[in-house]
């Protein structure tokens, strides 16, 4: 049976996946990459992609809607992208 997550991504039967929540990118400052945790939808990714252990992130609270926004520097963002080489 095909697995479908709340973001409409499909995975074939037998695929090794990890379920969790997704961070939506919201870049409002050019020097930081900002992400908001969307915990009302479940996301799935292939288990082979879950390989980068992120350092503690800066967490901001936006004044407009009181959401927690996680920020990371360009260096950390590039490290994460580079860790995906070959996938």
PDB file of N, CA and C in Angstrom:
ATOM      1  N   UNK A   1       0.833  -1.177   0.000  1.00  0.00           N
ATOM      2  CA  UNK A   1       0.000   0.000   0.000  1.00  0.00           C
ATOM      3  C   UNK A   1       0.888   1.254   0.000  1.00  0.00           C
ATOM      4  N   UNK A   2       0.562   2.211  -0.806  1.00  0.00           N
ATOM      5  CA  UNK A   2       1.303   3.462  -0.912  1.00  0.00           C
ATOM      6  C   UNK A   2       1.050   4.297   0.346  1.00  0.00           C
ATOM      7  N   UNK A   3       2.108   4.917   0.864  1.00  0.00           N
ATOM      8  CA  UNK A   3       1.978   5.826   1.996  1.00  0.00           C
ATOM      9  C   UNK A   3       1.917   7.243   1.467  1.00  0.00           C
ATOM     10  N   UNK A   4       0.950   8.015   1.943  1.00  0.00           N
ATOM     11  CA  UNK A   4       0.798   9.421   1.546  1.00  0.00           C
ATOM     12  C   UNK A   4       0.779  10.259   2.815  1.00  0.00           C
ATOM     13  N   UNK A   5       1.590  11.328   2.836  1.00  0.00           N
ATOM     14  CA  UNK A   5       1.583  12.200   4.011  1.00  0.00           C
ATOM     15  C   UNK A   5       0.614  13.361   3.813  1.00  0.00           C
ATOM     16  N   UNK A   6       0.518  14.220   4.807  1.00  0.00           N
ATOM     17  CA  UNK A   6      -0.425  15.346   4.749  1.00  0.00           C
ATOM     18  C   UNK A   6      -0.031  16.418   3.746  1.00  0.00           C
ATOM     19  N   UNK A   7       1.180  16.314   3.168  1.00  0.00           N
ATOM     20  CA  UNK A   7       1.647  17.249   2.153  1.00  0.00           C
ATOM     21  C   UNK A   7       1.470  16.657   0.755  1.00  0.00           C
ATOM     22  N   UNK A   8       0.753  15.511   0.671  1.00  0.00           N
ATOM     23  CA  UNK A   8       0.447  14.805  -0.590  1.00  0.00           C
ATOM     24  C   UNK A   8       1.660  14.153  -1.240  1.00  0.00           C
ATOM     25  N   UNK A   9       2.709  13.890  -0.474  1.00  0.00           N
ATOM     26  CA  UNK A   9       3.855  13.147  -0.993  1.00  0.00           C
ATOM     27  C   UNK A   9       3.551  11.659  -0.846  1.00  0.00           C
ATOM     28  N   UNK A  10       3.913  10.875  -1.863  1.00  0.00           N
ATOM     29  CA  UNK A  10       3.633   9.438  -1.865  1.00  0.00           C
ATOM     30  C   UNK A  10       4.938   8.645  -1.800  1.00  0.00           C
ATOM     31  N   UNK A  11       4.888   7.519  -1.074  1.00  0.00           N
ATOM     32  CA  UNK A  11       6.036   6.642  -0.922  1.00  0.00           C
ATOM     33  C   UNK A  11       5.601   5.221  -1.238  1.00  0.00           C
ATOM     34  N   UNK A  12       6.413   4.466  -1.981  1.00  0.00           N
ATOM     35  CA  UNK A  12       6.017   3.118  -2.408  1.00  0.00           C
ATOM     36  C   UNK A  12       5.991   2.135  -1.235  1.00  0.00           C
ATOM     37  N   UNK A  13       5.271   1.034  -1.397  1.00  0.00           N
ATOM     38  CA  UNK A  13       5.239   0.018  -0.339  1.00  0.00           C
ATOM     39  C   UNK A  13       6.651  -0.449   0.008  1.00  0.00           C
ATOM     40  N   UNK A  14       6.913  -0.607   1.292  1.00  0.00           N
ATOM     41  CA  UNK A  14       8.218  -1.082   1.747  1.00  0.00           C
ATOM     42  C   UNK A  14       9.276  -0.007   1.907  1.00  0.00           C
ATOM     43  N   UNK A  15       8.962   1.232   1.519  1.00  0.00           N
ATOM     44  CA  UNK A  15       9.941   2.314   1.653  1.00  0.00           C
ATOM     45  C   UNK A  15      10.192   2.596   3.132  1.00  0.00           C
ATOM     46  N   UNK A  16      11.456   2.805   3.487  1.00  0.00           N
ATOM     47  CA  UNK A  16      11.791   3.159   4.860  1.00  0.00           C
ATOM     48  C   UNK A  16      11.648   4.672   4.999  1.00  0.00           C
ATOM     49  N   UNK A  17      10.650   5.081   5.777  1.00  0.00           N
ATOM     50  CA  UNK A  17      10.374   6.507   5.933  1.00  0.00           C
ATOM     51  C   UNK A  17      10.362   6.888   7.405  1.00  0.00           C
ATOM     52  N   UNK A  18      10.556   8.176   7.644  1.00  0.00           N
ATOM     53  CA  UNK A  18      10.457   8.753   8.974  1.00  0.00           C
ATOM     54  C   UNK A  18       9.294   9.729   8.937  1.00  0.00           C
ATOM     55  N   UNK A  19       8.440   9.638   9.944  1.00  0.00           N
ATOM     56  CA  UNK A  19       7.287  10.545  10.029  1.00  0.00           C
ATOM     57  C   UNK A  19       7.565  11.631  11.052  1.00  0.00           C
ATOM     58  N   UNK A  20       7.074  12.823  10.786  1.00  0.00           N
ATOM     59  CA  UNK A  20       7.257  13.914  11.728  1.00  0.00           C
ATOM     60  C   UNK A  20       6.615  15.176  11.205  1.00  0.00           C
ATOM     61  N   UNK A  21       7.096  16.297  11.692  1.00  0.00           N
ATOM     62  CA  UNK A  21       6.553  17.588  11.273  1.00  0.00           C
ATOM     63  C   UNK A  21       7.557  18.301  10.386  1.00  0.00           C
ATOM     64  N   UNK A  22       7.080  19.264   9.641  1.00  0.00           N
ATOM     65  CA  UNK A  22       7.858  19.919   8.609  1.00  0.00           C
ATOM     66  C   UNK A  22       8.145  21.363   9.010  1.00  0.00           C
ATOM     67  N   UNK A  23       9.324  21.846   8.665  1.00  0.00           N
ATOM     68  CA  UNK A  23       9.651  23.244   8.851  1.00  0.00           C
ATOM     69  C   UNK A  23       9.425  23.966   7.530  1.00  0.00           C
ATOM     70  N   UNK A  24       8.616  25.030   7.558  1.00  0.00           N
ATOM     71  CA  UNK A  24       8.335  25.832   6.366  1.00  0.00           C
ATOM     72  C   UNK A  24       9.280  27.025   6.372  1.00  0.00           C
ATOM     73  N   UNK A  25       9.950  27.220   5.251  1.00  0.00           N
ATOM     74  CA  UNK A  25      10.948  28.294   5.149  1.00  0.00           C
ATOM     75  C   UNK A  25      10.263  29.644   5.009  1.00  0.00           C
ATOM     76  N   UNK A  26      10.710  30.603   5.815  1.00  0.00           N
ATOM     77  CA  UNK A  26      10.178  31.966   5.790  1.00  0.00           C
ATOM     78  C   UNK A  26      11.341  32.939   5.908  1.00  0.00           C
ATOM     79  N   UNK A  27      12.034  33.182   4.827  1.00  0.00           N
ATOM     80  CA  UNK A  27      13.195  34.075   4.873  1.00  0.00           C
ATOM     81  C   UNK A  27      12.736  35.528   4.844  1.00  0.00           C
ATOM     82  N   UNK A  28      12.916  36.197   5.977  1.00  0.00           N
ATOM     83  CA  UNK A  28      12.580  37.612   6.042  1.00  0.00           C
ATOM     84  C   UNK A  28      13.826  38.467   6.221  1.00  0.00           C
ATOM     85  N   UNK A  29      14.937  37.831   6.609  1.00  0.00           N
ATOM     86  CA  UNK A  29      16.212  38.526   6.742  1.00  0.00           C
ATOM     87  C   UNK A  29      17.210  37.838   5.811  1.00  0.00           C
ATOM     88  N   UNK A  30      17.880  38.586   4.954  1.00  0.00           N
ATOM     89  CA  UNK A  30      18.772  37.964   3.970  1.00  0.00           C
ATOM     90  C   UNK A  30      19.917  37.166   4.584  1.00  0.00           C
ATOM     91  N   UNK A  31      20.372  37.529   5.790  1.00  0.00           N
ATOM     92  CA  UNK A  31      21.521  36.833   6.373  1.00  0.00           C
ATOM     93  C   UNK A  31      21.136  35.580   7.161  1.00  0.00           C
ATOM     94  N   UNK A  32      19.850  35.355   7.401  1.00  0.00           N
ATOM     95  CA  UNK A  32      19.391  34.180   8.136  1.00  0.00           C
ATOM     96  C   UNK A  32      18.350  33.414   7.336  1.00  0.00           C
ATOM     97  N   UNK A  33      18.358  32.103   7.499  1.00  0.00           N
ATOM     98  CA  UNK A  33      17.312  31.263   6.932  1.00  0.00           C
ATOM     99  C   UNK A  33      16.359  30.961   8.081  1.00  0.00           C
ATOM    100  N   UNK A  34      15.101  31.302   7.927  1.00  0.00           N
ATOM    101  CA  UNK A  34      14.138  31.153   9.013  1.00  0.00           C
ATOM    102  C   UNK A  34      13.092  30.108   8.649  1.00  0.00           C
ATOM    103  N   UNK A  35      12.728  29.299   9.642  1.00  0.00           N
ATOM    104  CA  UNK A  35      11.775  28.218   9.445  1.00  0.00           C
ATOM    105  C   UNK A  35      10.765  28.209  10.577  1.00  0.00           C
ATOM    106  N   UNK A  36       9.507  27.968  10.245  1.00  0.00           N
ATOM    107  CA  UNK A  36       8.454  27.831  11.243  1.00  0.00           C
ATOM    108  C   UNK A  36       7.998  26.387  11.247  1.00  0.00           C
ATOM    109  N   UNK A  37       7.906  25.807  12.438  1.00  0.00           N
ATOM    110  CA  UNK A  37       7.450  24.426  12.562  1.00  0.00           C
ATOM    111  C   UNK A  37       5.952  24.369  12.313  1.00  0.00           C
ATOM    112  N   UNK A  38       5.559  23.552  11.354  1.00  0.00           N
ATOM    113  CA  UNK A  38       4.153  23.353  11.045  1.00  0.00           C
ATOM    114  C   UNK A  38       3.732  22.031  11.660  1.00  0.00           C
ATOM    115  N   UNK A  39       3.119  22.101  12.841  1.00  0.00           N
ATOM    116  CA  UNK A  39       2.801  20.861  13.540  1.00  0.00           C
ATOM    117  C   UNK A  39       1.370  20.389  13.335  1.00  0.00           C
ATOM    118  N   UNK A  40       0.639  21.042  12.442  1.00  0.00           N
ATOM    119  CA  UNK A  40      -0.720  20.590  12.157  1.00  0.00           C
ATOM    120  C   UNK A  40      -0.775  19.616  10.981  1.00  0.00           C
ATOM    121  N   UNK A  41       0.371  19.373  10.339  1.00  0.00           N
ATOM    122  CA  UNK A  41       0.461  18.417   9.240  1.00  0.00           C
ATOM    123  C   UNK A  41       1.616  17.466   9.498  1.00  0.00           C
ATOM    124  N   UNK A  42       1.427  16.193   9.172  1.00  0.00           N
ATOM    125  CA  UNK A  42       2.512  15.225   9.293  1.00  0.00           C
ATOM    126  C   UNK A  42       3.229  15.093   7.955  1.00  0.00           C
ATOM    127  N   UNK A  43       4.543  15.038   8.020  1.00  0.00           N
ATOM    128  CA  UNK A  43       5.358  14.873   6.820  1.00  0.00           C
ATOM    129  C   UNK A  43       6.113  13.557   6.907  1.00  0.00           C
ATOM    130  N   UNK A  44       6.456  13.014   5.758  1.00  0.00           N
ATOM    131  CA  UNK A  44       7.292  11.818   5.684  1.00  0.00           C
ATOM    132  C   UNK A  44       8.498  12.131   4.807  1.00  0.00           C
ATOM    133  N   UNK A  45       9.631  11.533   5.144  1.00  0.00           N
ATOM    134  CA  UNK A  45      10.830  11.609   4.300  1.00  0.00           C
ATOM    135  C   UNK A  45      11.495  10.244   4.326  1.00  0.00           C
ATOM    136  N   UNK A  46      12.256   9.952   3.290  1.00  0.00           N
ATOM    137  CA  UNK A  46      13.005   8.706   3.273  1.00  0.00           C
ATOM    138  C   UNK A  46      14.014   8.716   4.420  1.00  0.00           C
ATOM    139  N   UNK A  47      14.183   7.598   5.082  1.00  0.00           N
ATOM    140  CA  UNK A  47      15.067   7.534   6.245  1.00  0.00           C
ATOM    141  C   UNK A  47      16.513   7.847   5.885  1.00  0.00           C
ATOM    142  N   UNK A  48      16.933   7.599   4.652  1.00  0.00           N
ATOM    143  CA  UNK A  48      18.318   7.889   4.255  1.00  0.00           C
ATOM    144  C   UNK A  48      18.610   9.387   4.215  1.00  0.00           C
ATOM    145  N   UNK A  49      17.583  10.214   4.145  1.00  0.00           N
ATOM    146  CA  UNK A  49      17.780  11.657   4.088  1.00  0.00           C
ATOM    147  C   UNK A  49      17.997  12.238   5.484  1.00  0.00           C
ATOM    148  N   UNK A  50      17.527  11.561   6.504  1.00  0.00           N
ATOM    149  CA  UNK A  50      17.661  12.064   7.872  1.00  0.00           C
ATOM    150  C   UNK A  50      19.068  11.712   8.351  1.00  0.00           C
ATOM    151  N   UNK A  51      20.003  12.633   8.130  1.00  0.00           N
ATOM    152  CA  UNK A  51      21.384  12.325   8.447  1.00  0.00           C
ATOM    153  C   UNK A  51      22.156  13.478   9.039  1.00  0.00           C
ATOM    154  N   UNK A  52      21.648  14.667   9.011  1.00  0.00           N
ATOM    155  CA  UNK A  52      22.367  15.819   9.549  1.00  0.00           C
ATOM    156  C   UNK A  52      21.854  16.129  10.948  1.00  0.00           C
ATOM    157  N   UNK A  53      22.754  16.250  11.910  1.00  0.00           N
ATOM    158  CA  UNK A  53      22.366  16.625  13.265  1.00  0.00           C
ATOM    159  C   UNK A  53      22.648  18.110  13.413  1.00  0.00           C
ATOM    160  N   UNK A  54      21.603  18.852  13.589  1.00  0.00           N
ATOM    161  CA  UNK A  54      21.696  20.301  13.619  1.00  0.00           C
ATOM    162  C   UNK A  54      22.146  20.795  14.998  1.00  0.00           C
ATOM    163  N   UNK A  55      22.971  21.830  15.022  1.00  0.00           N
ATOM    164  CA  UNK A  55      23.333  22.428  16.312  1.00  0.00           C
ATOM    165  C   UNK A  55      22.123  23.167  16.879  1.00  0.00           C
ATOM    166  N   UNK A  56      22.187  23.600  18.128  1.00  0.00           N
ATOM    167  CA  UNK A  56      21.070  24.386  18.673  1.00  0.00           C
ATOM    168  C   UNK A  56      20.787  25.592  17.779  1.00  0.00           C
ATOM    169  N   UNK A  57      19.537  25.843  17.522  1.00  0.00           N
ATOM    170  CA  UNK A  57      19.144  26.927  16.627  1.00  0.00           C
ATOM    171  C   UNK A  57      18.636  28.121  17.423  1.00  0.00           C
ATOM    172  N   UNK A  58      18.790  29.298  16.845  1.00  0.00           N
ATOM    173  CA  UNK A  58      18.208  30.497  17.423  1.00  0.00           C
ATOM    174  C   UNK A  58      16.707  30.438  17.211  1.00  0.00           C
ATOM    175  N   UNK A  59      15.949  30.729  18.257  1.00  0.00           N
ATOM    176  CA  UNK A  59      14.494  30.679  18.145  1.00  0.00           C
ATOM    177  C   UNK A  59      13.947  32.067  18.440  1.00  0.00           C
ATOM    178  N   UNK A  60      13.144  32.573  17.517  1.00  0.00           N
ATOM    179  CA  UNK A  60      12.523  33.883  17.664  1.00  0.00           C
ATOM    180  C   UNK A  60      11.016  33.699  17.786  1.00  0.00           C
ATOM    181  N   UNK A  61      10.371  34.617  18.445  1.00  0.00           N
ATOM    182  CA  UNK A  61       8.908  34.604  18.462  1.00  0.00           C
ATOM    183  C   UNK A  61       8.451  35.795  17.646  1.00  0.00           C
ATOM    184  N   UNK A  62       7.651  35.536  16.622  1.00  0.00           N
ATOM    185  CA  UNK A  62       7.167  36.627  15.787  1.00  0.00           C
ATOM    186  C   UNK A  62       6.070  37.359  16.542  1.00  0.00           C
ATOM    187  N   UNK A  63       6.036  38.651  16.408  1.00  0.00           N
ATOM    188  CA  UNK A  63       5.066  39.442  17.161  1.00  0.00           C
ATOM    189  C   UNK A  63       3.655  39.348  16.578  1.00  0.00           C
ATOM    190  N   UNK A  64       3.555  39.116  15.290  1.00  0.00           N
ATOM    191  CA  UNK A  64       2.238  39.140  14.651  1.00  0.00           C
ATOM    192  C   UNK A  64       1.363  37.948  15.011  1.00  0.00           C
ATOM    193  N   UNK A  65       1.923  36.747  15.057  1.00  0.00           N
ATOM    194  CA  UNK A  65       1.084  35.569  15.307  1.00  0.00           C
ATOM    195  C   UNK A  65       1.646  34.656  16.393  1.00  0.00           C
ATOM    196  N   UNK A  66       2.685  35.097  17.097  1.00  0.00           N
ATOM    197  CA  UNK A  66       3.287  34.362  18.220  1.00  0.00           C
ATOM    198  C   UNK A  66       3.794  32.980  17.844  1.00  0.00           C
ATOM    199  N   UNK A  67       4.164  32.778  16.582  1.00  0.00           N
ATOM    200  CA  UNK A  67       4.757  31.511  16.172  1.00  0.00           C
ATOM    201  C   UNK A  67       6.236  31.511  16.522  1.00  0.00           C
ATOM    202  N   UNK A  68       6.768  30.323  16.761  1.00  0.00           N
ATOM    203  CA  UNK A  68       8.197  30.176  16.981  1.00  0.00           C
ATOM    204  C   UNK A  68       8.869  30.050  15.617  1.00  0.00           C
ATOM    205  N   UNK A  69       9.871  30.863  15.363  1.00  0.00           N
ATOM    206  CA  UNK A  69      10.621  30.837  14.116  1.00  0.00           C
ATOM    207  C   UNK A  69      12.047  30.417  14.449  1.00  0.00           C
ATOM    208  N   UNK A  70      12.559  29.405  13.757  1.00  0.00           N
ATOM    209  CA  UNK A  70      13.916  28.916  13.973  1.00  0.00           C
ATOM    210  C   UNK A  70      14.815  29.474  12.891  1.00  0.00           C
ATOM    211  N   UNK A  71      15.980  29.976  13.298  1.00  0.00           N
ATOM    212  CA  UNK A  71      16.897  30.615  12.357  1.00  0.00           C
ATOM    213  C   UNK A  71      18.209  29.848  12.307  1.00  0.00           C
ATOM    214  N   UNK A  72      18.808  29.797  11.124  1.00  0.00           N
ATOM    215  CA  UNK A  72      20.144  29.247  10.998  1.00  0.00           C
ATOM    216  C   UNK A  72      20.944  30.083  10.021  1.00  0.00           C
ATOM    217  N   UNK A  73      22.240  30.080  10.234  1.00  0.00           N
ATOM    218  CA  UNK A  73      23.122  30.897   9.408  1.00  0.00           C
ATOM    219  C   UNK A  73      23.321  30.249   8.040  1.00  0.00           C
ATOM    220  N   UNK A  74      23.882  31.031   7.127  1.00  0.00           N
ATOM    221  CA  UNK A  74      24.205  30.494   5.801  1.00  0.00           C
ATOM    222  C   UNK A  74      25.147  29.304   5.907  1.00  0.00           C
ATOM    223  N   UNK A  75      26.125  29.378   6.823  1.00  0.00           N
ATOM    224  CA  UNK A  75      27.086  28.281   6.977  1.00  0.00           C
ATOM    225  C   UNK A  75      26.398  26.974   7.350  1.00  0.00           C
ATOM    226  N   UNK A  76      25.499  27.021   8.332  1.00  0.00           N
ATOM    227  CA  UNK A  76      24.793  25.806   8.748  1.00  0.00           C
ATOM    228  C   UNK A  76      23.875  25.328   7.632  1.00  0.00           C
ATOM    229  N   UNK A  77      23.211  26.251   6.966  1.00  0.00           N
ATOM    230  CA  UNK A  77      22.328  25.885   5.860  1.00  0.00           C
ATOM    231  C   UNK A  77      23.114  25.150   4.775  1.00  0.00           C
ATOM    232  N   UNK A  78      24.292  25.657   4.429  1.00  0.00           N
ATOM    233  CA  UNK A  78      25.122  25.004   3.411  1.00  0.00           C
ATOM    234  C   UNK A  78      25.646  23.658   3.893  1.00  0.00           C
ATOM    235  N   UNK A  79      25.983  23.546   5.183  1.00  0.00           N
ATOM    236  CA  UNK A  79      26.417  22.257   5.725  1.00  0.00           C
ATOM    237  C   UNK A  79      25.318  21.210   5.572  1.00  0.00           C
ATOM    238  N   UNK A  80      24.097  21.603   5.866  1.00  0.00           N
ATOM    239  CA  UNK A  80      22.965  20.680   5.731  1.00  0.00           C
ATOM    240  C   UNK A  80      22.814  20.246   4.283  1.00  0.00           C
ATOM    241  N   UNK A  81      22.838  21.216   3.363  1.00  0.00           N
ATOM    242  CA  UNK A  81      22.699  20.889   1.944  1.00  0.00           C
ATOM    243  C   UNK A  81      23.844  19.989   1.480  1.00  0.00           C
ATOM    244  N   UNK A  82      25.062  20.268   1.933  1.00  0.00           N
ATOM    245  CA  UNK A  82      26.218  19.452   1.536  1.00  0.00           C
ATOM    246  C   UNK A  82      26.143  18.044   2.102  1.00  0.00           C
ATOM    247  N   UNK A  83      25.479  17.874   3.244  1.00  0.00           N
ATOM    248  CA  UNK A  83      25.361  16.534   3.827  1.00  0.00           C
ATOM    249  C   UNK A  83      24.451  15.633   2.985  1.00  0.00           C
ATOM    250  N   UNK A  84      23.703  16.226   2.084  1.00  0.00           N
ATOM    251  CA  UNK A  84      22.801  15.457   1.237  1.00  0.00           C
ATOM    252  C   UNK A  84      23.449  14.999  -0.063  1.00  0.00           C
ATOM    253  N   UNK A  85      24.715  15.323  -0.283  1.00  0.00           N
ATOM    254  CA  UNK A  85      25.399  14.892  -1.509  1.00  0.00           C
ATOM    255  C   UNK A  85      25.251  13.377  -1.693  1.00  0.00           C
ATOM    256  N   UNK A  86      24.845  13.002  -2.851  1.00  0.00           N
ATOM    257  CA  UNK A  86      24.689  11.575  -3.156  1.00  0.00           C
ATOM    258  C   UNK A  86      23.285  11.052  -2.932  1.00  0.00           C
ATOM    259  N   UNK A  87      22.381  11.905  -2.441  1.00  0.00           N
ATOM    260  CA  UNK A  87      20.996  11.447  -2.221  1.00  0.00           C
ATOM    261  C   UNK A  87      20.062  12.136  -3.160  1.00  0.00           C
TER     262      UNK A  87
END
